[in-house]
Amino acid sequence: MSNHAETPKRQKVQAAEVGTEILRGLADLAPATSLSRLAAHLGMPAAKVHRYLQALIASGFAEQDPATNHYALGREALYVGLAAIGGLDVVRAAMPSLAELRDALNETCFLAVWGNRGPTVVHVEQPLRAVTLVTRVGSVLPLLGSSTGLVFNAFLPEAETAPLRAAEQGLPGAPGAAELESWMAAIRRRGLQSVHGLLVPGVNALSAPLFSVGEQLAGVLTVVGPGSVFAADTEGEAAEQLLAAARAISAKLAGGWPLPAGDEA
């Protein structure tokens, strides 16, 4: 009798495990993927994956584009993901300082962490002016083509960044090996990286690292604004306020500030 009762429980657990694997596969292949590619990625029969996808679509955890028939994570999955992100220590520690930085500079300020596809925006504070820059939570930024990515490249372990860096180094505008190493030395020395129109023409950005216990990189703070009003000067007032915010957040994370106290570049 007990064995008979246990069978449905085991089936439910197995079904939950398969559903979780499929959700993880959709995340790996984001923003969207075909059924055949997803099945191959998971090593499952396409018919089985399709059956579970229909259940995930019905519950809002997956969705299908009627134009391409490709599958993607649904709104419910995104809701769960954002809730998990909100629970990260670095997000909780950074939010007050990020809002204060936005108020002080009246520019878009955001926090990025290292995700499975690279630098990922997890919190954004928009300025109060009428014209703002669209920086969305969930956006994945290039490693070598953004100030945020360059800071991650400077402070993360080589094994973390090597695959993405190798994929980007052949792209137009990517720095050569010698130029990149010079940039990395400057970032590690001053704790700042600025770019002018690198990711988006006419838009400047300034980024600083956040450190947690053991001087491990926990995230990157970035201020971004139109080049007409935001100079992104590494020696200007905005840089001083960004560094002050980064130090304060790092202190909350018990990471201290392992870099020089000021810009010694």
C-alpha atoms as a PDB file:
ATOM      1  CA  MET A   1       0.000   0.000   0.000  1.00  0.00           C
ATOM      2  CA  SER A   2       2.767   2.411   0.972  1.00  0.00           C
ATOM      3  CA  ASN A   3       4.754   1.557  -2.186  1.00  0.00           C
ATOM      4  CA  HIS A   4       1.693   2.313  -4.292  1.00  0.00           C
ATOM      5  CA  ALA A   5       1.283   5.655  -2.505  1.00  0.00           C
ATOM      6  CA  GLU A   6       4.944   6.534  -2.949  1.00  0.00           C
ATOM      7  CA  THR A   7       4.872   6.045  -6.743  1.00  0.00           C
ATOM      8  CA  PRO A   8       2.892   9.243  -7.544  1.00  0.00           C
ATOM      9  CA  LYS A   9       5.223  11.211  -5.234  1.00  0.00           C
ATOM     10  CA  ARG A  10       8.288   9.920  -7.064  1.00  0.00           C
ATOM     11  CA  GLN A  11       6.670  10.751 -10.388  1.00  0.00           C
ATOM     12  CA  LYS A  12       5.968  14.288  -9.214  1.00  0.00           C
ATOM     13  CA  VAL A  13       9.560  14.717  -8.062  1.00  0.00           C
ATOM     14  CA  GLN A  14      10.881  13.399 -11.378  1.00  0.00           C
ATOM     15  CA  ALA A  15       8.524  15.672 -13.301  1.00  0.00           C
ATOM     16  CA  ALA A  16       9.693  18.659 -11.262  1.00  0.00           C
ATOM     17  CA  GLU A  17      13.328  17.757 -11.950  1.00  0.00           C
ATOM     18  CA  VAL A  18      12.700  17.528 -15.701  1.00  0.00           C
ATOM     19  CA  GLY A  19      10.792  20.818 -15.669  1.00  0.00           C
ATOM     20  CA  THR A  20      13.662  22.481 -13.837  1.00  0.00           C
ATOM     21  CA  GLU A  21      16.170  21.130 -16.369  1.00  0.00           C
ATOM     22  CA  ILE A  22      14.097  22.544 -19.220  1.00  0.00           C
ATOM     23  CA  LEU A  23      13.861  25.952 -17.538  1.00  0.00           C
ATOM     24  CA  ARG A  24      17.632  25.917 -17.058  1.00  0.00           C
ATOM     25  CA  GLY A  25      18.038  24.995 -20.732  1.00  0.00           C
ATOM     26  CA  LEU A  26      15.843  27.925 -21.777  1.00  0.00           C
ATOM     27  CA  ALA A  27      18.053  30.175 -19.648  1.00  0.00           C
ATOM     28  CA  ASP A  28      21.231  28.738 -21.198  1.00  0.00           C
ATOM     29  CA  LEU A  29      19.905  29.326 -24.721  1.00  0.00           C
ATOM     30  CA  ALA A  30      18.249  32.697 -24.016  1.00  0.00           C
ATOM     31  CA  PRO A  31      16.797  34.832 -25.403  1.00  0.00           C
ATOM     32  CA  ALA A  32      14.994  32.136 -27.462  1.00  0.00           C
ATOM     33  CA  THR A  33      15.588  28.709 -28.959  1.00  0.00           C
ATOM     34  CA  SER A  34      14.046  26.136 -31.248  1.00  0.00           C
ATOM     35  CA  LEU A  35      12.640  22.873 -29.904  1.00  0.00           C
ATOM     36  CA  SER A  36      15.294  20.804 -31.670  1.00  0.00           C
ATOM     37  CA  ARG A  37      18.158  22.897 -30.311  1.00  0.00           C
ATOM     38  CA  LEU A  38      16.743  22.787 -26.782  1.00  0.00           C
ATOM     39  CA  ALA A  39      16.254  19.011 -26.942  1.00  0.00           C
ATOM     40  CA  ALA A  40      19.810  18.511 -28.198  1.00  0.00           C
ATOM     41  CA  HIS A  41      21.170  20.820 -25.484  1.00  0.00           C
ATOM     42  CA  LEU A  42      19.354  18.834 -22.789  1.00  0.00           C
ATOM     43  CA  GLY A  43      19.963  15.390 -24.301  1.00  0.00           C
ATOM     44  CA  MET A  44      16.248  14.610 -24.186  1.00  0.00           C
ATOM     45  CA  PRO A  45      13.816  13.397 -26.870  1.00  0.00           C
ATOM     46  CA  ALA A  46      12.132  16.331 -28.598  1.00  0.00           C
ATOM     47  CA  ALA A  47       8.679  14.859 -27.942  1.00  0.00           C
ATOM     48  CA  LYS A  48       9.354  14.781 -24.200  1.00  0.00           C
ATOM     49  CA  VAL A  49      10.694  18.333 -24.172  1.00  0.00           C
ATOM     50  CA  HIS A  50       7.677  19.497 -26.181  1.00  0.00           C
ATOM     51  CA  ARG A  51       5.281  17.898 -23.710  1.00  0.00           C
ATOM     52  CA  TYR A  52       6.899  19.640 -20.748  1.00  0.00           C
ATOM     53  CA  LEU A  53       7.090  22.930 -22.620  1.00  0.00           C
ATOM     54  CA  GLN A  54       3.326  22.877 -23.116  1.00  0.00           C
ATOM     55  CA  ALA A  55       2.854  22.516 -19.361  1.00  0.00           C
ATOM     56  CA  LEU A  56       5.354  25.307 -18.692  1.00  0.00           C
ATOM     57  CA  ILE A  57       3.582  27.571 -21.189  1.00  0.00           C
ATOM     58  CA  ALA A  58       0.233  26.869 -19.533  1.00  0.00           C
ATOM     59  CA  SER A  59       1.668  27.931 -16.167  1.00  0.00           C
ATOM     60  CA  GLY A  60       3.381  31.037 -17.551  1.00  0.00           C
ATOM     61  CA  PHE A  61       6.939  29.789 -17.030  1.00  0.00           C
ATOM     62  CA  ALA A  62       7.648  29.508 -20.753  1.00  0.00           C
ATOM     63  CA  GLU A  63       6.306  31.129 -23.907  1.00  0.00           C
ATOM     64  CA  GLN A  64       6.383  30.473 -27.634  1.00  0.00           C
ATOM     65  CA  ASP A  65       6.776  33.085 -30.355  1.00  0.00           C
ATOM     66  CA  PRO A  66       4.001  32.434 -32.914  1.00  0.00           C
ATOM     67  CA  ALA A  67       6.102  33.945 -35.701  1.00  0.00           C
ATOM     68  CA  THR A  68       9.209  31.772 -35.225  1.00  0.00           C
ATOM     69  CA  ASN A  69       7.851  28.931 -33.029  1.00  0.00           C
ATOM     70  CA  HIS A  70      10.877  29.492 -30.786  1.00  0.00           C
ATOM     71  CA  TYR A  71      10.605  29.075 -27.032  1.00  0.00           C
ATOM     72  CA  ALA A  72      11.709  31.426 -24.250  1.00  0.00           C
ATOM     73  CA  LEU A  73      11.329  31.924 -20.525  1.00  0.00           C
ATOM     74  CA  GLY A  74       7.899  33.281 -19.596  1.00  0.00           C
ATOM     75  CA  ARG A  75       6.836  36.056 -17.267  1.00  0.00           C
ATOM     76  CA  GLU A  76       6.498  33.764 -14.246  1.00  0.00           C
ATOM     77  CA  ALA A  77      10.073  32.522 -14.666  1.00  0.00           C
ATOM     78  CA  LEU A  78      11.288  36.098 -14.941  1.00  0.00           C
ATOM     79  CA  TYR A  79       9.342  37.007 -11.804  1.00  0.00           C
ATOM     80  CA  VAL A  80      11.000  34.168  -9.879  1.00  0.00           C
ATOM     81  CA  GLY A  81      14.404  35.149 -11.258  1.00  0.00           C
ATOM     82  CA  LEU A  82      13.987  38.783 -10.247  1.00  0.00           C
ATOM     83  CA  ALA A  83      12.884  37.725  -6.767  1.00  0.00           C
ATOM     84  CA  ALA A  84      16.051  35.632  -6.453  1.00  0.00           C
ATOM     85  CA  ILE A  85      18.177  38.537  -7.686  1.00  0.00           C
ATOM     86  CA  GLY A  86      16.528  40.787  -5.108  1.00  0.00           C
ATOM     87  CA  GLY A  87      17.708  38.402  -2.425  1.00  0.00           C
ATOM     88  CA  LEU A  88      21.372  38.702  -3.386  1.00  0.00           C
ATOM     89  CA  ASP A  89      23.438  40.417  -0.720  1.00  0.00           C
ATOM     90  CA  VAL A  90      25.032  42.747  -3.249  1.00  0.00           C
ATOM     91  CA  VAL A  91      21.644  44.010  -4.501  1.00  0.00           C
ATOM     92  CA  ARG A  92      20.366  44.690  -0.984  1.00  0.00           C
ATOM     93  CA  ALA A  93      23.626  46.399  -0.053  1.00  0.00           C
ATOM     94  CA  ALA A  94      23.802  48.496  -3.216  1.00  0.00           C
ATOM     95  CA  MET A  95      20.239  49.781  -3.618  1.00  0.00           C
ATOM     96  CA  PRO A  96      20.338  52.705  -1.133  1.00  0.00           C
ATOM     97  CA  SER A  97      23.723  53.972  -2.356  1.00  0.00           C
ATOM     98  CA  LEU A  98      22.686  53.522  -5.988  1.00  0.00           C
ATOM     99  CA  ALA A  99      19.595  55.677  -5.462  1.00  0.00           C
ATOM    100  CA  GLU A 100      21.671  58.329  -3.672  1.00  0.00           C
ATOM    101  CA  LEU A 101      24.184  58.325  -6.535  1.00  0.00           C
ATOM    102  CA  ARG A 102      21.382  58.778  -9.068  1.00  0.00           C
ATOM    103  CA  ASP A 103      19.996  61.706  -7.064  1.00  0.00           C
ATOM    104  CA  ALA A 104      23.418  63.327  -6.811  1.00  0.00           C
ATOM    105  CA  LEU A 105      24.332  62.970 -10.492  1.00  0.00           C
ATOM    106  CA  ASN A 106      20.881  62.877 -12.138  1.00  0.00           C
ATOM    107  CA  GLU A 107      22.150  60.209 -14.522  1.00  0.00           C
ATOM    108  CA  THR A 108      21.186  56.565 -15.051  1.00  0.00           C
ATOM    109  CA  CYS A 109      22.949  54.389 -12.466  1.00  0.00           C
ATOM    110  CA  PHE A 110      22.885  50.603 -12.463  1.00  0.00           C
ATOM    111  CA  LEU A 111      24.301  47.519 -10.797  1.00  0.00           C
ATOM    112  CA  ALA A 112      25.546  44.512 -12.758  1.00  0.00           C
ATOM    113  CA  VAL A 113      26.607  41.081 -11.540  1.00  0.00           C
ATOM    114  CA  TRP A 114      28.353  38.232 -13.350  1.00  0.00           C
ATOM    115  CA  GLY A 115      25.720  35.933 -14.857  1.00  0.00           C
ATOM    116  CA  ASN A 116      25.920  32.782 -16.946  1.00  0.00           C
ATOM    117  CA  ARG A 117      26.204  34.886 -20.119  1.00  0.00           C
ATOM    118  CA  GLY A 118      28.436  37.633 -18.739  1.00  0.00           C
ATOM    119  CA  PRO A 119      27.854  41.062 -17.149  1.00  0.00           C
ATOM    120  CA  THR A 120      24.129  41.238 -16.352  1.00  0.00           C
ATOM    121  CA  VAL A 121      22.173  44.316 -15.221  1.00  0.00           C
ATOM    122  CA  VAL A 122      20.201  43.501 -12.050  1.00  0.00           C
ATOM    123  CA  HIS A 123      19.079  46.913 -10.765  1.00  0.00           C
ATOM    124  CA  VAL A 124      18.598  50.296 -12.456  1.00  0.00           C
ATOM    125  CA  GLU A 125      17.948  53.774 -11.045  1.00  0.00           C
ATOM    126  CA  GLN A 126      16.728  56.179 -13.740  1.00  0.00           C
ATOM    127  CA  PRO A 127      17.232  59.959 -13.493  1.00  0.00           C
ATOM    128  CA  LEU A 128      14.343  62.338 -13.009  1.00  0.00           C
ATOM    129  CA  ARG A 129      14.887  64.229 -16.262  1.00  0.00           C
ATOM    130  CA  ALA A 130      12.424  63.732 -19.113  1.00  0.00           C
ATOM    131  CA  VAL A 131      14.929  62.048 -21.455  1.00  0.00           C
ATOM    132  CA  THR A 132      16.468  58.891 -20.009  1.00  0.00           C
ATOM    133  CA  LEU A 133      18.618  56.098 -21.369  1.00  0.00           C
ATOM    134  CA  VAL A 134      16.931  52.734 -21.653  1.00  0.00           C
ATOM    135  CA  THR A 135      18.930  50.306 -19.517  1.00  0.00           C
ATOM    136  CA  ARG A 136      16.856  47.277 -18.626  1.00  0.00           C
ATOM    137  CA  VAL A 137      17.170  44.758 -15.836  1.00  0.00           C
ATOM    138  CA  GLY A 138      18.320  41.515 -17.437  1.00  0.00           C
ATOM    139  CA  SER A 139      20.402  43.196 -20.150  1.00  0.00           C
ATOM    140  CA  VAL A 140      23.680  41.388 -20.840  1.00  0.00           C
ATOM    141  CA  LEU A 141      26.582  43.713 -21.643  1.00  0.00           C
ATOM    142  CA  PRO A 142      29.691  42.936 -23.710  1.00  0.00           C
ATOM    143  CA  LEU A 143      32.858  42.147 -21.789  1.00  0.00           C
ATOM    144  CA  LEU A 144      35.214  44.228 -23.934  1.00  0.00           C
ATOM    145  CA  GLY A 145      32.716  46.687 -25.397  1.00  0.00           C
ATOM    146  CA  SER A 146      31.405  48.306 -22.203  1.00  0.00           C
ATOM    147  CA  SER A 147      32.922  49.980 -19.141  1.00  0.00           C
ATOM    148  CA  THR A 148      30.994  47.500 -16.971  1.00  0.00           C
ATOM    149  CA  GLY A 149      32.414  44.503 -18.811  1.00  0.00           C
ATOM    150  CA  LEU A 150      35.959  45.847 -18.726  1.00  0.00           C
ATOM    151  CA  VAL A 151      35.808  46.140 -14.925  1.00  0.00           C
ATOM    152  CA  PHE A 152      34.604  42.544 -14.672  1.00  0.00           C
ATOM    153  CA  ASN A 153      37.465  41.515 -16.963  1.00  0.00           C
ATOM    154  CA  ALA A 154      39.965  43.325 -14.729  1.00  0.00           C
ATOM    155  CA  PHE A 155      38.947  41.757 -11.415  1.00  0.00           C
ATOM    156  CA  LEU A 156      37.360  38.367 -12.081  1.00  0.00           C
ATOM    157  CA  PRO A 157      39.502  35.207 -12.230  1.00  0.00           C
ATOM    158  CA  GLU A 158      40.915  34.475 -15.673  1.00  0.00           C
ATOM    159  CA  ALA A 159      38.975  31.211 -15.927  1.00  0.00           C
ATOM    160  CA  GLU A 160      35.671  33.106 -15.567  1.00  0.00           C
ATOM    161  CA  THR A 161      36.282  35.651 -18.308  1.00  0.00           C
ATOM    162  CA  ALA A 162      38.470  33.768 -20.810  1.00  0.00           C
ATOM    163  CA  PRO A 163      35.686  32.149 -22.923  1.00  0.00           C
ATOM    164  CA  LEU A 164      33.723  35.389 -23.369  1.00  0.00           C
ATOM    165  CA  ARG A 165      36.862  37.417 -23.980  1.00  0.00           C
ATOM    166  CA  ALA A 166      38.006  34.978 -26.668  1.00  0.00           C
ATOM    167  CA  ALA A 167      34.608  35.249 -28.368  1.00  0.00           C
ATOM    168  CA  GLU A 168      34.738  39.053 -28.404  1.00  0.00           C
ATOM    169  CA  GLN A 169      38.377  39.744 -29.233  1.00  0.00           C
ATOM    170  CA  GLY A 170      37.849  39.244 -32.951  1.00  0.00           C
ATOM    171  CA  LEU A 171      34.899  41.629 -33.154  1.00  0.00           C
ATOM    172  CA  PRO A 172      35.230  45.081 -34.796  1.00  0.00           C
ATOM    173  CA  GLY A 173      36.437  47.708 -32.341  1.00  0.00           C
ATOM    174  CA  ALA A 174      37.723  45.189 -29.807  1.00  0.00           C
ATOM    175  CA  PRO A 175      41.060  46.196 -28.243  1.00  0.00           C
ATOM    176  CA  GLY A 176      44.203  44.315 -29.138  1.00  0.00           C
ATOM    177  CA  ALA A 177      46.019  42.255 -26.512  1.00  0.00           C
ATOM    178  CA  ALA A 178      48.548  44.982 -25.613  1.00  0.00           C
ATOM    179  CA  GLU A 179      45.904  47.708 -25.471  1.00  0.00           C
ATOM    180  CA  LEU A 180      43.620  45.543 -23.332  1.00  0.00           C
ATOM    181  CA  GLU A 181      46.402  44.768 -20.859  1.00  0.00           C
ATOM    182  CA  SER A 182      47.153  48.491 -20.548  1.00  0.00           C
ATOM    183  CA  TRP A 183      43.482  49.181 -19.831  1.00  0.00           C
ATOM    184  CA  MET A 184      43.369  46.409 -17.229  1.00  0.00           C
ATOM    185  CA  ALA A 185      46.415  47.774 -15.395  1.00  0.00           C
ATOM    186  CA  ALA A 186      44.819  51.223 -15.253  1.00  0.00           C
ATOM    187  CA  ILE A 187      41.510  49.837 -13.949  1.00  0.00           C
ATOM    188  CA  ARG A 188      43.254  47.832 -11.213  1.00  0.00           C
ATOM    189  CA  ARG A 189      45.282  50.883 -10.232  1.00  0.00           C
ATOM    190  CA  ARG A 190      42.484  53.447  -9.990  1.00  0.00           C
ATOM    191  CA  GLY A 191      39.317  51.346  -9.563  1.00  0.00           C
ATOM    192  CA  LEU A 192      37.557  53.082 -12.449  1.00  0.00           C
ATOM    193  CA  GLN A 193      36.912  52.631 -16.147  1.00  0.00           C
ATOM    194  CA  SER A 194      35.366  55.206 -18.455  1.00  0.00           C
ATOM    195  CA  VAL A 195      34.215  54.802 -22.035  1.00  0.00           C
ATOM    196  CA  HIS A 196      33.035  57.413 -24.502  1.00  0.00           C
ATOM    197  CA  GLY A 197      30.597  56.194 -27.108  1.00  0.00           C
ATOM    198  CA  LEU A 198      32.030  52.663 -27.079  1.00  0.00           C
ATOM    199  CA  LEU A 199      28.810  50.699 -26.585  1.00  0.00           C
ATOM    200  CA  VAL A 200      26.350  53.330 -27.878  1.00  0.00           C
ATOM    201  CA  PRO A 201      27.506  56.362 -29.934  1.00  0.00           C
ATOM    202  CA  GLY A 202      27.051  59.594 -28.015  1.00  0.00           C
ATOM    203  CA  VAL A 203      26.699  57.838 -24.669  1.00  0.00           C
ATOM    204  CA  ASN A 204      29.417  57.841 -22.014  1.00  0.00           C
ATOM    205  CA  ALA A 205      29.815  55.521 -19.035  1.00  0.00           C
ATOM    206  CA  LEU A 206      31.868  55.283 -15.875  1.00  0.00           C
ATOM    207  CA  SER A 207      32.169  52.059 -13.831  1.00  0.00           C
ATOM    208  CA  ALA A 208      33.654  50.939 -10.500  1.00  0.00           C
ATOM    209  CA  PRO A 209      33.980  47.502  -8.827  1.00  0.00           C
ATOM    210  CA  LEU A 210      32.285  46.229  -5.667  1.00  0.00           C
ATOM    211  CA  PHE A 211      34.133  43.781  -3.416  1.00  0.00           C
ATOM    212  CA  SER A 212      32.841  41.218  -0.945  1.00  0.00           C
ATOM    213  CA  VAL A 213      34.559  39.000   1.644  1.00  0.00           C
ATOM    214  CA  GLY A 214      38.032  37.945   0.591  1.00  0.00           C
ATOM    215  CA  GLU A 215      38.309  40.874  -1.829  1.00  0.00           C
ATOM    216  CA  GLN A 216      36.194  38.951  -4.330  1.00  0.00           C
ATOM    217  CA  LEU A 217      34.444  40.970  -7.045  1.00  0.00           C
ATOM    218  CA  ALA A 218      30.724  41.059  -6.185  1.00  0.00           C
ATOM    219  CA  GLY A 219      29.448  43.390  -8.892  1.00  0.00           C
ATOM    220  CA  VAL A 220      30.031  46.591 -10.825  1.00  0.00           C
ATOM    221  CA  LEU A 221      28.410  50.022 -10.397  1.00  0.00           C
ATOM    222  CA  THR A 222      27.974  52.082 -13.554  1.00  0.00           C
ATOM    223  CA  VAL A 223      26.860  55.629 -14.298  1.00  0.00           C
ATOM    224  CA  VAL A 224      25.788  56.249 -17.885  1.00  0.00           C
ATOM    225  CA  GLY A 225      24.622  59.413 -19.610  1.00  0.00           C
ATOM    226  CA  PRO A 226      24.535  61.403 -22.860  1.00  0.00           C
ATOM    227  CA  GLY A 227      27.937  62.671 -23.916  1.00  0.00           C
ATOM    228  CA  SER A 228      26.504  66.197 -24.181  1.00  0.00           C
ATOM    229  CA  VAL A 229      26.042  66.405 -20.401  1.00  0.00           C
ATOM    230  CA  PHE A 230      28.032  63.502 -18.890  1.00  0.00           C
ATOM    231  CA  ALA A 231      31.785  63.639 -19.484  1.00  0.00           C
ATOM    232  CA  ALA A 232      32.600  60.371 -17.636  1.00  0.00           C
ATOM    233  CA  ASP A 233      35.889  61.890 -16.512  1.00  0.00           C
ATOM    234  CA  THR A 234      37.844  59.519 -14.254  1.00  0.00           C
ATOM    235  CA  GLU A 235      39.164  62.506 -12.297  1.00  0.00           C
ATOM    236  CA  GLY A 236      35.915  64.470 -12.080  1.00  0.00           C
ATOM    237  CA  GLU A 237      33.255  64.882  -9.413  1.00  0.00           C
ATOM    238  CA  ALA A 238      31.136  62.040 -10.793  1.00  0.00           C
ATOM    239  CA  ALA A 239      34.114  59.681 -10.474  1.00  0.00           C
ATOM    240  CA  GLU A 240      34.662  60.734  -6.854  1.00  0.00           C
ATOM    241  CA  GLN A 241      31.018  60.115  -5.981  1.00  0.00           C
ATOM    242  CA  LEU A 242      30.976  56.777  -7.821  1.00  0.00           C
ATOM    243  CA  LEU A 243      34.092  55.608  -5.972  1.00  0.00           C
ATOM    244  CA  ALA A 244      32.631  56.754  -2.653  1.00  0.00           C
ATOM    245  CA  ALA A 245      29.467  54.719  -3.336  1.00  0.00           C
ATOM    246  CA  ALA A 246      31.517  51.680  -4.388  1.00  0.00           C
ATOM    247  CA  ARG A 247      33.611  51.861  -1.203  1.00  0.00           C
ATOM    248  CA  ALA A 248      30.500  52.218   0.972  1.00  0.00           C
ATOM    249  CA  ILE A 249      28.774  49.225  -0.617  1.00  0.00           C
ATOM    250  CA  SER A 250      31.952  47.129  -0.424  1.00  0.00           C
ATOM    251  CA  ALA A 251      32.189  47.945   3.287  1.00  0.00           C
ATOM    252  CA  LYS A 252      28.603  46.662   3.764  1.00  0.00           C
ATOM    253  CA  LEU A 253      29.640  43.450   2.014  1.00  0.00           C
ATOM    254  CA  ALA A 254      32.656  43.150   4.352  1.00  0.00           C
ATOM    255  CA  GLY A 255      34.908  43.363   1.342  1.00  0.00           C
ATOM    256  CA  GLY A 256      36.785  46.508   2.240  1.00  0.00           C
ATOM    257  CA  TRP A 257      38.518  48.381  -0.553  1.00  0.00           C
ATOM    258  CA  PRO A 258      41.661  46.580  -1.764  1.00  0.00           C
ATOM    259  CA  LEU A 259      42.547  49.364  -4.230  1.00  0.00           C
ATOM    260  CA  PRO A 260      44.381  52.676  -3.680  1.00  0.00           C
ATOM    261  CA  ALA A 261      42.353  55.260  -1.733  1.00  0.00           C
ATOM    262  CA  GLY A 262      42.356  57.664  -4.657  1.00  0.00           C
ATOM    263  CA  ASP A 263      43.061  57.812  -8.361  1.00  0.00           C
ATOM    264  CA  GLU A 264      46.814  57.515  -8.654  1.00  0.00           C
ATOM    265  CA  ALA A 265      46.853  57.064 -12.408  1.00  0.00           C
END
